[in-house]
Amino acid sequence: MSSILRRLLATLVGNTLIAAFLTLLGVGGGWLVNLLISQCIGLSIFGMCTLASQLFAAGPGRLLAIVAAVPVGVAIGLLLGISLSGVGWDNWPAVAWQAVVIGVTLGVMGSGFFYLRERNLALAAEVQQRENRRLEAEKQSLAAQLRMLQAQIEPHFLFNSLANVAALIEADPKLAGQLLDALIRYLRSSLARTRAEGGTLGDEMTLLTAFLDVLKIRMGERLVYAFEVAPELLAAAFPPMLLQPLVENAIRHGLEPKVGGGRITVSARRDGERLQISVIDDGLGFAQTPGEGIGLANIRARLAAMYGSMARLELSSEVGAGVTATMSLPAEVSS
């Protein structure tokens, strides 16, 4: 229902209540006369104020136009009401001058109310438009951050992988082929994820599997990995490229520097209406509180933009006992 139609219906109801009020007070020319004149005055004020609001832009000019439209509407409505009621101008002052005073007073109050209400609605619409523009800007910023994050992760990973392929071509052609196949699977999954606006936890696990397969061939027995994710959680909505930086950090800073390598586990569970995802490694850990690298800062910024205070990323570590990165966010099923 449009704003004008809502105000018209409210005006009709208000006019009827004014007529009933005047009749109960014993003023005016009876129920039918009061109702007719009240509707004529009220609708005339409504029509003139609506016309003024359409002709003038929002601001002081519109307010002055509406104020000026009220007495004009009263005059038109009074002329029309007296003519239609048959009371006659000679009898009008003795019949219902009180009705005019009360009706005009309530009409002015009603017009002021609707003006302020429309102004508040206009301001609310403007605020909403600004918020939509802000959200769109944040969305574009997140997309840029995602591309930047991808650019940060892929170069050294690709160069190292391709260098390993080149070294294995003569030493172990079969293993070189396996590494190249795994790298192609990773690039295909990575491209699909970074171009997608949404996706599922299953999509992210497919990307991580391809990523870890490449690293497994490079690190050999020094890397062991496992996924502990219930099948029903694979359909949960999950933004792209939130987990790979955590896995990449765990391997680069925790497992690769460790002589014997280690194990990395990616687990996911549902806790009520929340999704809890952990990346756990038994690498070197942190000597002190984990720092805020660019990857981690980007993850936290994306979580804050998408979920506000409803999502968080927490890191815990012990020297020589590895790092646990836990992400908590609302559980949603992908459409």
C-alpha atoms as a PDB file:
ATOM      1  CA  MET A   1       0.000   0.000   0.000  1.00  0.00           C
ATOM      2  CA  SER A   2       1.391   3.378  -1.040  1.00  0.00           C
ATOM      3  CA  SER A   3       2.108   6.154   1.422  1.00  0.00           C
ATOM      4  CA  ILE A   4      -0.575   8.450  -0.065  1.00  0.00           C
ATOM      5  CA  LEU A   5      -3.229   5.723   0.149  1.00  0.00           C
ATOM      6  CA  ARG A   6      -2.331   5.015   3.765  1.00  0.00           C
ATOM      7  CA  ARG A   7      -2.614   8.714   4.617  1.00  0.00           C
ATOM      8  CA  LEU A   8      -5.935   8.957   2.756  1.00  0.00           C
ATOM      9  CA  LEU A   9      -7.409   6.070   4.738  1.00  0.00           C
ATOM     10  CA  ALA A  10      -6.080   7.567   7.971  1.00  0.00           C
ATOM     11  CA  THR A  11      -7.651  10.920   7.028  1.00  0.00           C
ATOM     12  CA  LEU A  12     -11.052   9.314   6.390  1.00  0.00           C
ATOM     13  CA  VAL A  13     -10.918   7.527   9.735  1.00  0.00           C
ATOM     14  CA  GLY A  14      -9.777  10.699  11.499  1.00  0.00           C
ATOM     15  CA  ASN A  15     -12.566  12.755   9.901  1.00  0.00           C
ATOM     16  CA  THR A  16     -15.127  10.204  11.039  1.00  0.00           C
ATOM     17  CA  LEU A  17     -13.777  10.268  14.604  1.00  0.00           C
ATOM     18  CA  ILE A  18     -13.882  14.093  14.639  1.00  0.00           C
ATOM     19  CA  ALA A  19     -17.513  14.031  13.494  1.00  0.00           C
ATOM     20  CA  ALA A  20     -18.392  11.503  16.180  1.00  0.00           C
ATOM     21  CA  PHE A  21     -16.571  13.559  18.815  1.00  0.00           C
ATOM     22  CA  LEU A  22     -18.403  16.743  17.835  1.00  0.00           C
ATOM     23  CA  THR A  23     -21.744  14.950  17.846  1.00  0.00           C
ATOM     24  CA  LEU A  24     -21.118  13.563  21.329  1.00  0.00           C
ATOM     25  CA  LEU A  25     -20.325  17.093  22.519  1.00  0.00           C
ATOM     26  CA  GLY A  26     -23.617  18.292  21.097  1.00  0.00           C
ATOM     27  CA  VAL A  27     -22.069  20.778  18.692  1.00  0.00           C
ATOM     28  CA  GLY A  28     -22.562  21.085  14.980  1.00  0.00           C
ATOM     29  CA  GLY A  29     -25.638  20.133  13.020  1.00  0.00           C
ATOM     30  CA  GLY A  30     -26.069  16.506  13.971  1.00  0.00           C
ATOM     31  CA  TRP A  31     -24.191  13.336  13.055  1.00  0.00           C
ATOM     32  CA  LEU A  32     -24.725  13.384   9.290  1.00  0.00           C
ATOM     33  CA  VAL A  33     -24.046  17.106   8.932  1.00  0.00           C
ATOM     34  CA  ASN A  34     -20.937  16.856  11.122  1.00  0.00           C
ATOM     35  CA  LEU A  35     -19.710  13.809   9.185  1.00  0.00           C
ATOM     36  CA  LEU A  36     -20.203  15.497   5.806  1.00  0.00           C
ATOM     37  CA  ILE A  37     -18.558  18.766   6.772  1.00  0.00           C
ATOM     38  CA  SER A  38     -15.740  16.994   8.629  1.00  0.00           C
ATOM     39  CA  GLN A  39     -14.972  14.814   5.603  1.00  0.00           C
ATOM     40  CA  CYS A  40     -15.070  17.815   3.244  1.00  0.00           C
ATOM     41  CA  ILE A  41     -12.710  19.876   5.404  1.00  0.00           C
ATOM     42  CA  GLY A  42     -10.382  16.957   6.180  1.00  0.00           C
ATOM     43  CA  LEU A  43     -10.166  15.727   2.590  1.00  0.00           C
ATOM     44  CA  SER A  44      -9.633  19.258   1.305  1.00  0.00           C
ATOM     45  CA  ILE A  45      -6.765  19.764   3.755  1.00  0.00           C
ATOM     46  CA  PHE A  46      -5.377  16.374   2.752  1.00  0.00           C
ATOM     47  CA  GLY A  47      -5.602  17.198  -0.955  1.00  0.00           C
ATOM     48  CA  MET A  48      -3.989  20.619  -0.628  1.00  0.00           C
ATOM     49  CA  CYS A  49      -1.190  19.357   1.638  1.00  0.00           C
ATOM     50  CA  THR A  50      -0.514  16.431  -0.703  1.00  0.00           C
ATOM     51  CA  LEU A  51      -0.368  18.790  -3.674  1.00  0.00           C
ATOM     52  CA  ALA A  52       2.012  21.094  -1.792  1.00  0.00           C
ATOM     53  CA  SER A  53       4.289  18.178  -0.864  1.00  0.00           C
ATOM     54  CA  GLN A  54       4.376  17.053  -4.510  1.00  0.00           C
ATOM     55  CA  LEU A  55       5.156  20.511  -5.897  1.00  0.00           C
ATOM     56  CA  PHE A  56       7.916  21.437  -3.434  1.00  0.00           C
ATOM     57  CA  ALA A  57      11.118  19.582  -2.617  1.00  0.00           C
ATOM     58  CA  ALA A  58      11.804  18.449   0.926  1.00  0.00           C
ATOM     59  CA  GLY A  59      12.926  21.272   3.168  1.00  0.00           C
ATOM     60  CA  PRO A  60      11.675  24.561   4.601  1.00  0.00           C
ATOM     61  CA  GLY A  61       9.893  25.417   1.353  1.00  0.00           C
ATOM     62  CA  ARG A  62       7.737  22.298   1.542  1.00  0.00           C
ATOM     63  CA  LEU A  63       6.911  22.967   5.197  1.00  0.00           C
ATOM     64  CA  LEU A  64       5.791  26.540   4.417  1.00  0.00           C
ATOM     65  CA  ALA A  65       3.732  25.302   1.479  1.00  0.00           C
ATOM     66  CA  ILE A  66       1.982  22.733   3.671  1.00  0.00           C
ATOM     67  CA  VAL A  67       1.275  25.341   6.357  1.00  0.00           C
ATOM     68  CA  ALA A  68      -0.204  27.658   3.706  1.00  0.00           C
ATOM     69  CA  ALA A  69      -2.205  24.779   2.206  1.00  0.00           C
ATOM     70  CA  VAL A  70      -4.091  24.150   5.470  1.00  0.00           C
ATOM     71  CA  PRO A  71      -6.244  27.344   5.516  1.00  0.00           C
ATOM     72  CA  VAL A  72      -6.844  26.998   1.794  1.00  0.00           C
ATOM     73  CA  GLY A  73      -8.048  23.450   2.346  1.00  0.00           C
ATOM     74  CA  VAL A  74     -10.249  24.612   5.236  1.00  0.00           C
ATOM     75  CA  ALA A  75     -11.883  27.281   3.069  1.00  0.00           C
ATOM     76  CA  ILE A  76     -12.502  24.894   0.190  1.00  0.00           C
ATOM     77  CA  GLY A  77     -13.803  22.149   2.473  1.00  0.00           C
ATOM     78  CA  LEU A  78     -16.038  24.502   4.420  1.00  0.00           C
ATOM     79  CA  LEU A  79     -17.527  25.937   1.223  1.00  0.00           C
ATOM     80  CA  LEU A  80     -18.148  22.462  -0.149  1.00  0.00           C
ATOM     81  CA  GLY A  81     -19.535  21.083   3.125  1.00  0.00           C
ATOM     82  CA  ILE A  82     -21.988  23.944   3.723  1.00  0.00           C
ATOM     83  CA  SER A  83     -23.174  23.716   0.138  1.00  0.00           C
ATOM     84  CA  LEU A  84     -23.733  19.960   0.250  1.00  0.00           C
ATOM     85  CA  SER A  85     -25.242  19.807   3.752  1.00  0.00           C
ATOM     86  CA  GLY A  86     -28.028  22.245   3.007  1.00  0.00           C
ATOM     87  CA  VAL A  87     -27.532  24.032   6.330  1.00  0.00           C
ATOM     88  CA  GLY A  88     -27.167  27.354   4.587  1.00  0.00           C
ATOM     89  CA  TRP A  89     -24.733  30.150   5.290  1.00  0.00           C
ATOM     90  CA  ASP A  90     -27.267  32.160   7.286  1.00  0.00           C
ATOM     91  CA  ASN A  91     -27.649  29.383   9.830  1.00  0.00           C
ATOM     92  CA  TRP A  92     -24.044  28.188   9.824  1.00  0.00           C
ATOM     93  CA  PRO A  93     -22.564  30.461  12.528  1.00  0.00           C
ATOM     94  CA  ALA A  94     -25.294  29.466  14.951  1.00  0.00           C
ATOM     95  CA  VAL A  95     -25.172  25.805  14.011  1.00  0.00           C
ATOM     96  CA  ALA A  96     -21.553  24.722  14.028  1.00  0.00           C
ATOM     97  CA  TRP A  97     -18.845  27.340  14.355  1.00  0.00           C
ATOM     98  CA  GLN A  98     -17.461  25.189  17.152  1.00  0.00           C
ATOM     99  CA  ALA A  99     -17.144  22.337  14.674  1.00  0.00           C
ATOM    100  CA  VAL A 100     -14.969  24.463  12.417  1.00  0.00           C
ATOM    101  CA  VAL A 101     -12.649  25.468  15.254  1.00  0.00           C
ATOM    102  CA  ILE A 102     -12.230  21.902  16.504  1.00  0.00           C
ATOM    103  CA  GLY A 103     -12.029  20.418  13.013  1.00  0.00           C
ATOM    104  CA  VAL A 104      -9.447  22.924  11.833  1.00  0.00           C
ATOM    105  CA  THR A 105      -7.367  22.468  14.975  1.00  0.00           C
ATOM    106  CA  LEU A 106      -7.347  18.701  14.614  1.00  0.00           C
ATOM    107  CA  GLY A 107      -6.757  19.047  10.887  1.00  0.00           C
ATOM    108  CA  VAL A 108      -3.677  21.176  11.431  1.00  0.00           C
ATOM    109  CA  MET A 109      -2.406  18.743  14.041  1.00  0.00           C
ATOM    110  CA  GLY A 110      -3.019  15.830  11.708  1.00  0.00           C
ATOM    111  CA  SER A 111      -1.272  17.562   8.812  1.00  0.00           C
ATOM    112  CA  GLY A 112       1.712  18.330  11.017  1.00  0.00           C
ATOM    113  CA  PHE A 113       1.813  14.736  12.193  1.00  0.00           C
ATOM    114  CA  PHE A 114       1.769  13.321   8.669  1.00  0.00           C
ATOM    115  CA  TYR A 115       4.383  15.814   7.503  1.00  0.00           C
ATOM    116  CA  LEU A 116       6.738  14.817  10.291  1.00  0.00           C
ATOM    117  CA  ARG A 117       5.992  11.167   9.669  1.00  0.00           C
ATOM    118  CA  GLU A 118       6.754  11.473   5.959  1.00  0.00           C
ATOM    119  CA  ARG A 119       9.905  13.385   6.764  1.00  0.00           C
ATOM    120  CA  ASN A 120      11.036  10.639   9.146  1.00  0.00           C
ATOM    121  CA  LEU A 121      10.268   8.011   6.513  1.00  0.00           C
ATOM    122  CA  ALA A 122      12.260   9.967   3.950  1.00  0.00           C
ATOM    123  CA  LEU A 123      15.183  10.277   6.343  1.00  0.00           C
ATOM    124  CA  ALA A 124      14.969   6.564   7.145  1.00  0.00           C
ATOM    125  CA  ALA A 125      14.970   5.765   3.414  1.00  0.00           C
ATOM    126  CA  GLU A 126      18.021   7.981   2.916  1.00  0.00           C
ATOM    127  CA  VAL A 127      19.817   6.289   5.800  1.00  0.00           C
ATOM    128  CA  GLN A 128      18.941   2.894   4.325  1.00  0.00           C
ATOM    129  CA  GLN A 129      20.283   3.949   0.935  1.00  0.00           C
ATOM    130  CA  ARG A 130      23.523   5.084   2.539  1.00  0.00           C
ATOM    131  CA  GLU A 131      23.746   1.794   4.411  1.00  0.00           C
ATOM    132  CA  ASN A 132      23.158  -0.128   1.183  1.00  0.00           C
ATOM    133  CA  ARG A 133      25.900   1.875  -0.519  1.00  0.00           C
ATOM    134  CA  ARG A 134      28.210   1.195   2.424  1.00  0.00           C
ATOM    135  CA  LEU A 135      27.455  -2.539   2.299  1.00  0.00           C
ATOM    136  CA  GLU A 136      28.054  -2.598  -1.437  1.00  0.00           C
ATOM    137  CA  ALA A 137      31.378  -0.816  -0.941  1.00  0.00           C
ATOM    138  CA  GLU A 138      32.320  -3.336   1.745  1.00  0.00           C
ATOM    139  CA  LYS A 139      31.330  -6.163  -0.569  1.00  0.00           C
ATOM    140  CA  GLN A 140      33.598  -4.806  -3.273  1.00  0.00           C
ATOM    141  CA  SER A 141      36.343  -4.307  -0.716  1.00  0.00           C
ATOM    142  CA  LEU A 142      35.977  -7.910   0.439  1.00  0.00           C
ATOM    143  CA  ALA A 143      36.196  -9.110  -3.146  1.00  0.00           C
ATOM    144  CA  ALA A 144      39.386  -7.076  -3.566  1.00  0.00           C
ATOM    145  CA  GLN A 145      40.768  -8.499  -0.325  1.00  0.00           C
ATOM    146  CA  LEU A 146      39.953 -12.006  -1.511  1.00  0.00           C
ATOM    147  CA  ARG A 147      41.829 -11.415  -4.754  1.00  0.00           C
ATOM    148  CA  MET A 148      44.730  -9.927  -2.812  1.00  0.00           C
ATOM    149  CA  LEU A 149      44.747 -12.901  -0.461  1.00  0.00           C
ATOM    150  CA  GLN A 150      44.768 -15.261  -3.401  1.00  0.00           C
ATOM    151  CA  ALA A 151      47.646 -13.303  -4.908  1.00  0.00           C
ATOM    152  CA  GLN A 152      49.551 -13.603  -1.621  1.00  0.00           C
ATOM    153  CA  ILE A 153      49.049 -17.347  -1.313  1.00  0.00           C
ATOM    154  CA  GLU A 154      49.520 -18.569  -4.865  1.00  0.00           C
ATOM    155  CA  PRO A 155      52.841 -17.137  -6.128  1.00  0.00           C
ATOM    156  CA  HIS A 156      55.265 -18.826  -3.727  1.00  0.00           C
ATOM    157  CA  PHE A 157      53.070 -21.945  -3.627  1.00  0.00           C
ATOM    158  CA  LEU A 158      52.982 -22.213  -7.422  1.00  0.00           C
ATOM    159  CA  PHE A 159      56.664 -21.413  -7.873  1.00  0.00           C
ATOM    160  CA  ASN A 160      57.696 -23.988  -5.290  1.00  0.00           C
ATOM    161  CA  SER A 161      55.368 -26.603  -6.779  1.00  0.00           C
ATOM    162  CA  LEU A 162      56.547 -25.990 -10.327  1.00  0.00           C
ATOM    163  CA  ALA A 163      60.153 -26.100  -9.160  1.00  0.00           C
ATOM    164  CA  ASN A 164      59.428 -29.483  -7.595  1.00  0.00           C
ATOM    165  CA  VAL A 165      57.834 -30.680 -10.839  1.00  0.00           C
ATOM    166  CA  ALA A 166      60.918 -29.594 -12.785  1.00  0.00           C
ATOM    167  CA  ALA A 167      63.217 -31.371 -10.321  1.00  0.00           C
ATOM    168  CA  LEU A 168      61.152 -34.577 -10.399  1.00  0.00           C
ATOM    169  CA  ILE A 169      60.801 -34.848 -14.161  1.00  0.00           C
ATOM    170  CA  GLU A 170      64.167 -36.618 -14.483  1.00  0.00           C
ATOM    171  CA  ALA A 171      64.437 -38.116 -11.003  1.00  0.00           C
ATOM    172  CA  ASP A 172      60.889 -39.511 -10.737  1.00  0.00           C
ATOM    173  CA  PRO A 173      58.687 -38.806 -13.781  1.00  0.00           C
ATOM    174  CA  LYS A 174      55.714 -40.664 -12.275  1.00  0.00           C
ATOM    175  CA  LEU A 175      55.775 -38.581  -9.108  1.00  0.00           C
ATOM    176  CA  ALA A 176      56.246 -35.441 -11.219  1.00  0.00           C
ATOM    177  CA  GLY A 177      53.073 -36.363 -13.117  1.00  0.00           C
ATOM    178  CA  GLN A 178      51.185 -36.917  -9.872  1.00  0.00           C
ATOM    179  CA  LEU A 179      52.320 -33.539  -8.566  1.00  0.00           C
ATOM    180  CA  LEU A 180      51.301 -31.833 -11.791  1.00  0.00           C
ATOM    181  CA  ASP A 181      47.858 -33.502 -11.692  1.00  0.00           C
ATOM    182  CA  ALA A 182      47.364 -32.420  -8.074  1.00  0.00           C
ATOM    183  CA  LEU A 183      48.448 -28.883  -8.939  1.00  0.00           C
ATOM    184  CA  ILE A 184      45.938 -28.723 -11.819  1.00  0.00           C
ATOM    185  CA  ARG A 185      43.155 -29.924  -9.496  1.00  0.00           C
ATOM    186  CA  TYR A 186      44.081 -27.258  -6.994  1.00  0.00           C
ATOM    187  CA  LEU A 187      44.140 -24.473  -9.587  1.00  0.00           C
ATOM    188  CA  ARG A 188      40.762 -25.568 -10.956  1.00  0.00           C
ATOM    189  CA  SER A 189      39.202 -25.610  -7.473  1.00  0.00           C
ATOM    190  CA  SER A 190      40.895 -22.342  -6.503  1.00  0.00           C
ATOM    191  CA  LEU A 191      39.625 -20.539  -9.586  1.00  0.00           C
ATOM    192  CA  ALA A 192      36.068 -21.744  -8.992  1.00  0.00           C
ATOM    193  CA  ARG A 193      36.138 -20.693  -5.328  1.00  0.00           C
ATOM    194  CA  THR A 194      37.574 -17.219  -5.824  1.00  0.00           C
ATOM    195  CA  ARG A 195      35.021 -16.438  -8.539  1.00  0.00           C
ATOM    196  CA  ALA A 196      32.110 -17.624  -6.418  1.00  0.00           C
ATOM    197  CA  GLU A 197      30.248 -15.197  -4.145  1.00  0.00           C
ATOM    198  CA  GLY A 198      29.085 -17.985  -1.868  1.00  0.00           C
ATOM    199  CA  GLY A 199      29.558 -21.721  -1.709  1.00  0.00           C
ATOM    200  CA  THR A 200      29.521 -24.511   0.839  1.00  0.00           C
ATOM    201  CA  LEU A 201      31.827 -26.033   3.373  1.00  0.00           C
ATOM    202  CA  GLY A 202      32.103 -29.009   1.003  1.00  0.00           C
ATOM    203  CA  ASP A 203      33.490 -26.695  -1.699  1.00  0.00           C
ATOM    204  CA  GLU A 204      36.094 -25.407   0.729  1.00  0.00           C
ATOM    205  CA  MET A 205      37.054 -28.961   1.716  1.00  0.00           C
ATOM    206  CA  THR A 206      37.516 -29.868  -1.952  1.00  0.00           C
ATOM    207  CA  LEU A 207      39.888 -26.923  -2.347  1.00  0.00           C
ATOM    208  CA  LEU A 208      41.819 -27.842   0.799  1.00  0.00           C
ATOM    209  CA  THR A 209      42.119 -31.467  -0.302  1.00  0.00           C
ATOM    210  CA  ALA A 210      43.692 -30.424  -3.600  1.00  0.00           C
ATOM    211  CA  PHE A 211      45.953 -27.958  -1.778  1.00  0.00           C
ATOM    212  CA  LEU A 212      47.133 -30.549   0.730  1.00  0.00           C
ATOM    213  CA  ASP A 213      47.590 -33.203  -1.964  1.00  0.00           C
ATOM    214  CA  VAL A 214      50.156 -30.957  -3.644  1.00  0.00           C
ATOM    215  CA  LEU A 215      51.955 -30.328  -0.362  1.00  0.00           C
ATOM    216  CA  LYS A 216      51.826 -34.026   0.515  1.00  0.00           C
ATOM    217  CA  ILE A 217      53.713 -34.902  -2.637  1.00  0.00           C
ATOM    218  CA  ARG A 218      56.258 -32.165  -1.930  1.00  0.00           C
ATOM    219  CA  MET A 219      56.760 -32.998   1.769  1.00  0.00           C
ATOM    220  CA  GLY A 220      56.270 -36.741   1.549  1.00  0.00           C
ATOM    221  CA  GLU A 221      56.078 -38.550   4.893  1.00  0.00           C
ATOM    222  CA  ARG A 222      56.698 -35.298   6.743  1.00  0.00           C
ATOM    223  CA  LEU A 223      53.068 -34.298   6.199  1.00  0.00           C
ATOM    224  CA  VAL A 224      50.025 -36.161   7.439  1.00  0.00           C
ATOM    225  CA  TYR A 225      46.590 -34.607   7.153  1.00  0.00           C
ATOM    226  CA  ALA A 226      43.032 -35.582   7.978  1.00  0.00           C
ATOM    227  CA  PHE A 227      39.512 -34.154   7.738  1.00  0.00           C
ATOM    228  CA  GLU A 228      36.976 -34.672  10.499  1.00  0.00           C
ATOM    229  CA  VAL A 229      33.783 -33.256   9.010  1.00  0.00           C
ATOM    230  CA  ALA A 230      30.347 -34.859   9.290  1.00  0.00           C
ATOM    231  CA  PRO A 231      28.762 -35.394   5.836  1.00  0.00           C
ATOM    232  CA  GLU A 232      25.673 -33.341   6.747  1.00  0.00           C
ATOM    233  CA  LEU A 233      27.853 -30.282   7.361  1.00  0.00           C
ATOM    234  CA  LEU A 234      29.224 -30.249   3.822  1.00  0.00           C
ATOM    235  CA  ALA A 235      26.054 -28.459   2.631  1.00  0.00           C
ATOM    236  CA  ALA A 236      26.510 -25.623   5.138  1.00  0.00           C
ATOM    237  CA  ALA A 237      27.027 -22.205   3.548  1.00  0.00           C
ATOM    238  CA  PHE A 238      30.642 -21.106   3.776  1.00  0.00           C
ATOM    239  CA  PRO A 239      32.477 -18.140   2.197  1.00  0.00           C
ATOM    240  CA  PRO A 240      35.412 -18.914  -0.089  1.00  0.00           C
ATOM    241  CA  MET A 241      39.057 -18.801   0.951  1.00  0.00           C
ATOM    242  CA  LEU A 242      38.564 -18.573   4.713  1.00  0.00           C
ATOM    243  CA  LEU A 243      40.282 -21.818   5.653  1.00  0.00           C
ATOM    244  CA  GLN A 244      43.155 -22.088   3.191  1.00  0.00           C
ATOM    245  CA  PRO A 245      45.159 -19.224   4.783  1.00  0.00           C
ATOM    246  CA  LEU A 246      44.908 -21.012   8.138  1.00  0.00           C
ATOM    247  CA  VAL A 247      46.089 -24.294   6.632  1.00  0.00           C
ATOM    248  CA  GLU A 248      48.836 -22.542   4.704  1.00  0.00           C
ATOM    249  CA  ASN A 249      50.045 -20.769   7.874  1.00  0.00           C
ATOM    250  CA  ALA A 250      49.999 -24.006   9.846  1.00  0.00           C
ATOM    251  CA  ILE A 251      52.236 -25.722   7.305  1.00  0.00           C
ATOM    252  CA  ARG A 252      54.563 -22.838   6.537  1.00  0.00           C
ATOM    253  CA  HIS A 253      55.194 -21.773  10.138  1.00  0.00           C
ATOM    254  CA  GLY A 254      54.511 -24.957  12.035  1.00  0.00           C
ATOM    255  CA  LEU A 255      55.226 -28.107  10.026  1.00  0.00           C
ATOM    256  CA  GLU A 256      57.724 -27.219   7.296  1.00  0.00           C
ATOM    257  CA  PRO A 257      60.343 -25.811   9.749  1.00  0.00           C
ATOM    258  CA  LYS A 258      59.942 -28.907  11.947  1.00  0.00           C
ATOM    259  CA  VAL A 259      62.504 -31.583  11.108  1.00  0.00           C
ATOM    260  CA  GLY A 260      60.067 -34.460  11.341  1.00  0.00           C
ATOM    261  CA  GLY A 261      57.126 -32.589   9.888  1.00  0.00           C
ATOM    262  CA  GLY A 262      53.810 -33.287  11.531  1.00  0.00           C
ATOM    263  CA  ARG A 263      50.062 -33.650  11.280  1.00  0.00           C
ATOM    264  CA  ILE A 264      47.343 -31.186  10.393  1.00  0.00           C
ATOM    265  CA  THR A 265      43.669 -31.819  11.077  1.00  0.00           C
ATOM    266  CA  VAL A 266      40.709 -29.846   9.772  1.00  0.00           C
ATOM    267  CA  SER A 267      37.584 -30.498  11.801  1.00  0.00           C
ATOM    268  CA  ALA A 268      34.065 -29.095  11.728  1.00  0.00           C
ATOM    269  CA  ARG A 269      31.138 -29.556  14.060  1.00  0.00           C
ATOM    270  CA  ARG A 270      27.807 -27.948  14.708  1.00  0.00           C
ATOM    271  CA  ASP A 271      27.177 -26.430  18.121  1.00  0.00           C
ATOM    272  CA  GLY A 272      23.518 -25.418  18.249  1.00  0.00           C
ATOM    273  CA  GLU A 273      23.074 -22.692  15.641  1.00  0.00           C
ATOM    274  CA  ARG A 274      26.805 -22.204  15.185  1.00  0.00           C
ATOM    275  CA  LEU A 275      29.441 -23.833  13.021  1.00  0.00           C
ATOM    276  CA  GLN A 276      32.775 -24.494  14.714  1.00  0.00           C
ATOM    277  CA  ILE A 277      35.724 -25.165  12.395  1.00  0.00           C
ATOM    278  CA  SER A 278      39.238 -25.847  13.637  1.00  0.00           C
ATOM    279  CA  VAL A 279      42.610 -26.148  11.919  1.00  0.00           C
ATOM    280  CA  ILE A 280      44.952 -28.024  14.273  1.00  0.00           C
ATOM    281  CA  ASP A 281      48.626 -28.749  13.776  1.00  0.00           C
ATOM    282  CA  ASP A 282      51.313 -30.276  16.000  1.00  0.00           C
ATOM    283  CA  GLY A 283      54.118 -28.141  14.626  1.00  0.00           C
ATOM    284  CA  LEU A 284      56.511 -25.780  16.348  1.00  0.00           C
ATOM    285  CA  GLY A 285      53.849 -23.477  17.744  1.00  0.00           C
ATOM    286  CA  PHE A 286      54.437 -19.880  18.813  1.00  0.00           C
ATOM    287  CA  ALA A 287      56.940 -18.745  21.371  1.00  0.00           C
ATOM    288  CA  GLN A 288      54.552 -15.940  22.308  1.00  0.00           C
ATOM    289  CA  THR A 289      51.007 -14.874  21.543  1.00  0.00           C
ATOM    290  CA  PRO A 290      50.314 -15.399  17.815  1.00  0.00           C
ATOM    291  CA  GLY A 291      50.763 -12.279  15.735  1.00  0.00           C
ATOM    292  CA  GLU A 292      48.369 -10.715  13.255  1.00  0.00           C
ATOM    293  CA  GLY A 293      49.655 -11.455   9.773  1.00  0.00           C
ATOM    294  CA  ILE A 294      47.962 -10.072   6.690  1.00  0.00           C
ATOM    295  CA  GLY A 295      46.156 -13.353   6.068  1.00  0.00           C
ATOM    296  CA  LEU A 296      44.705 -13.519   9.569  1.00  0.00           C
ATOM    297  CA  ALA A 297      43.785  -9.831   9.510  1.00  0.00           C
ATOM    298  CA  ASN A 298      41.950 -10.335   6.211  1.00  0.00           C
ATOM    299  CA  ILE A 299      40.044 -13.302   7.617  1.00  0.00           C
ATOM    300  CA  ARG A 300      38.936 -11.338  10.672  1.00  0.00           C
ATOM    301  CA  ALA A 301      37.946  -8.360   8.513  1.00  0.00           C
ATOM    302  CA  ARG A 302      35.864 -10.566   6.220  1.00  0.00           C
ATOM    303  CA  LEU A 303      34.177 -12.293   9.151  1.00  0.00           C
ATOM    304  CA  ALA A 304      33.350  -8.938  10.728  1.00  0.00           C
ATOM    305  CA  ALA A 305      31.915  -7.567   7.474  1.00  0.00           C
ATOM    306  CA  MET A 306      29.820 -10.651   6.748  1.00  0.00           C
ATOM    307  CA  TYR A 307      28.661 -11.626  10.239  1.00  0.00           C
ATOM    308  CA  GLY A 308      29.480  -8.713  12.545  1.00  0.00           C
ATOM    309  CA  SER A 309      29.959  -9.802  16.147  1.00  0.00           C
ATOM    310  CA  MET A 310      28.368 -13.192  15.386  1.00  0.00           C
ATOM    311  CA  ALA A 311      31.649 -14.620  14.024  1.00  0.00           C
ATOM    312  CA  ARG A 312      35.149 -14.825  15.437  1.00  0.00           C
ATOM    313  CA  LEU A 313      38.554 -16.387  14.897  1.00  0.00           C
ATOM    314  CA  GLU A 314      40.621 -17.523  17.867  1.00  0.00           C
ATOM    315  CA  LEU A 315      44.179 -18.882  17.958  1.00  0.00           C
ATOM    316  CA  SER A 316      45.815 -20.825  20.751  1.00  0.00           C
ATOM    317  CA  SER A 317      49.344 -22.200  20.872  1.00  0.00           C
ATOM    318  CA  GLU A 318      51.945 -23.873  23.030  1.00  0.00           C
ATOM    319  CA  VAL A 319      55.637 -23.956  22.195  1.00  0.00           C
ATOM    320  CA  GLY A 320      56.406 -27.269  20.507  1.00  0.00           C
ATOM    321  CA  ALA A 321      52.760 -28.351  20.698  1.00  0.00           C
ATOM    322  CA  GLY A 322      51.395 -26.676  17.594  1.00  0.00           C
ATOM    323  CA  VAL A 323      48.632 -24.175  16.945  1.00  0.00           C
ATOM    324  CA  THR A 324      44.851 -24.463  17.007  1.00  0.00           C
ATOM    325  CA  ALA A 325      42.886 -21.945  14.959  1.00  0.00           C
ATOM    326  CA  THR A 326      39.145 -22.057  15.628  1.00  0.00           C
ATOM    327  CA  MET A 327      36.572 -20.235  13.549  1.00  0.00           C
ATOM    328  CA  SER A 328      33.025 -19.808  14.862  1.00  0.00           C
ATOM    329  CA  LEU A 329      30.214 -18.487  12.690  1.00  0.00           C
ATOM    330  CA  PRO A 330      26.437 -18.886  12.235  1.00  0.00           C
ATOM    331  CA  ALA A 331      25.426 -22.204  10.692  1.00  0.00           C
ATOM    332  CA  GLU A 332      23.440 -21.717   7.487  1.00  0.00           C
ATOM    333  CA  VAL A 333      22.423 -24.200   4.811  1.00  0.00           C
ATOM    334  CA  SER A 334      23.417 -23.108   1.327  1.00  0.00           C
ATOM    335  CA  SER A 335      20.482 -22.453  -1.005  1.00  0.00           C
END
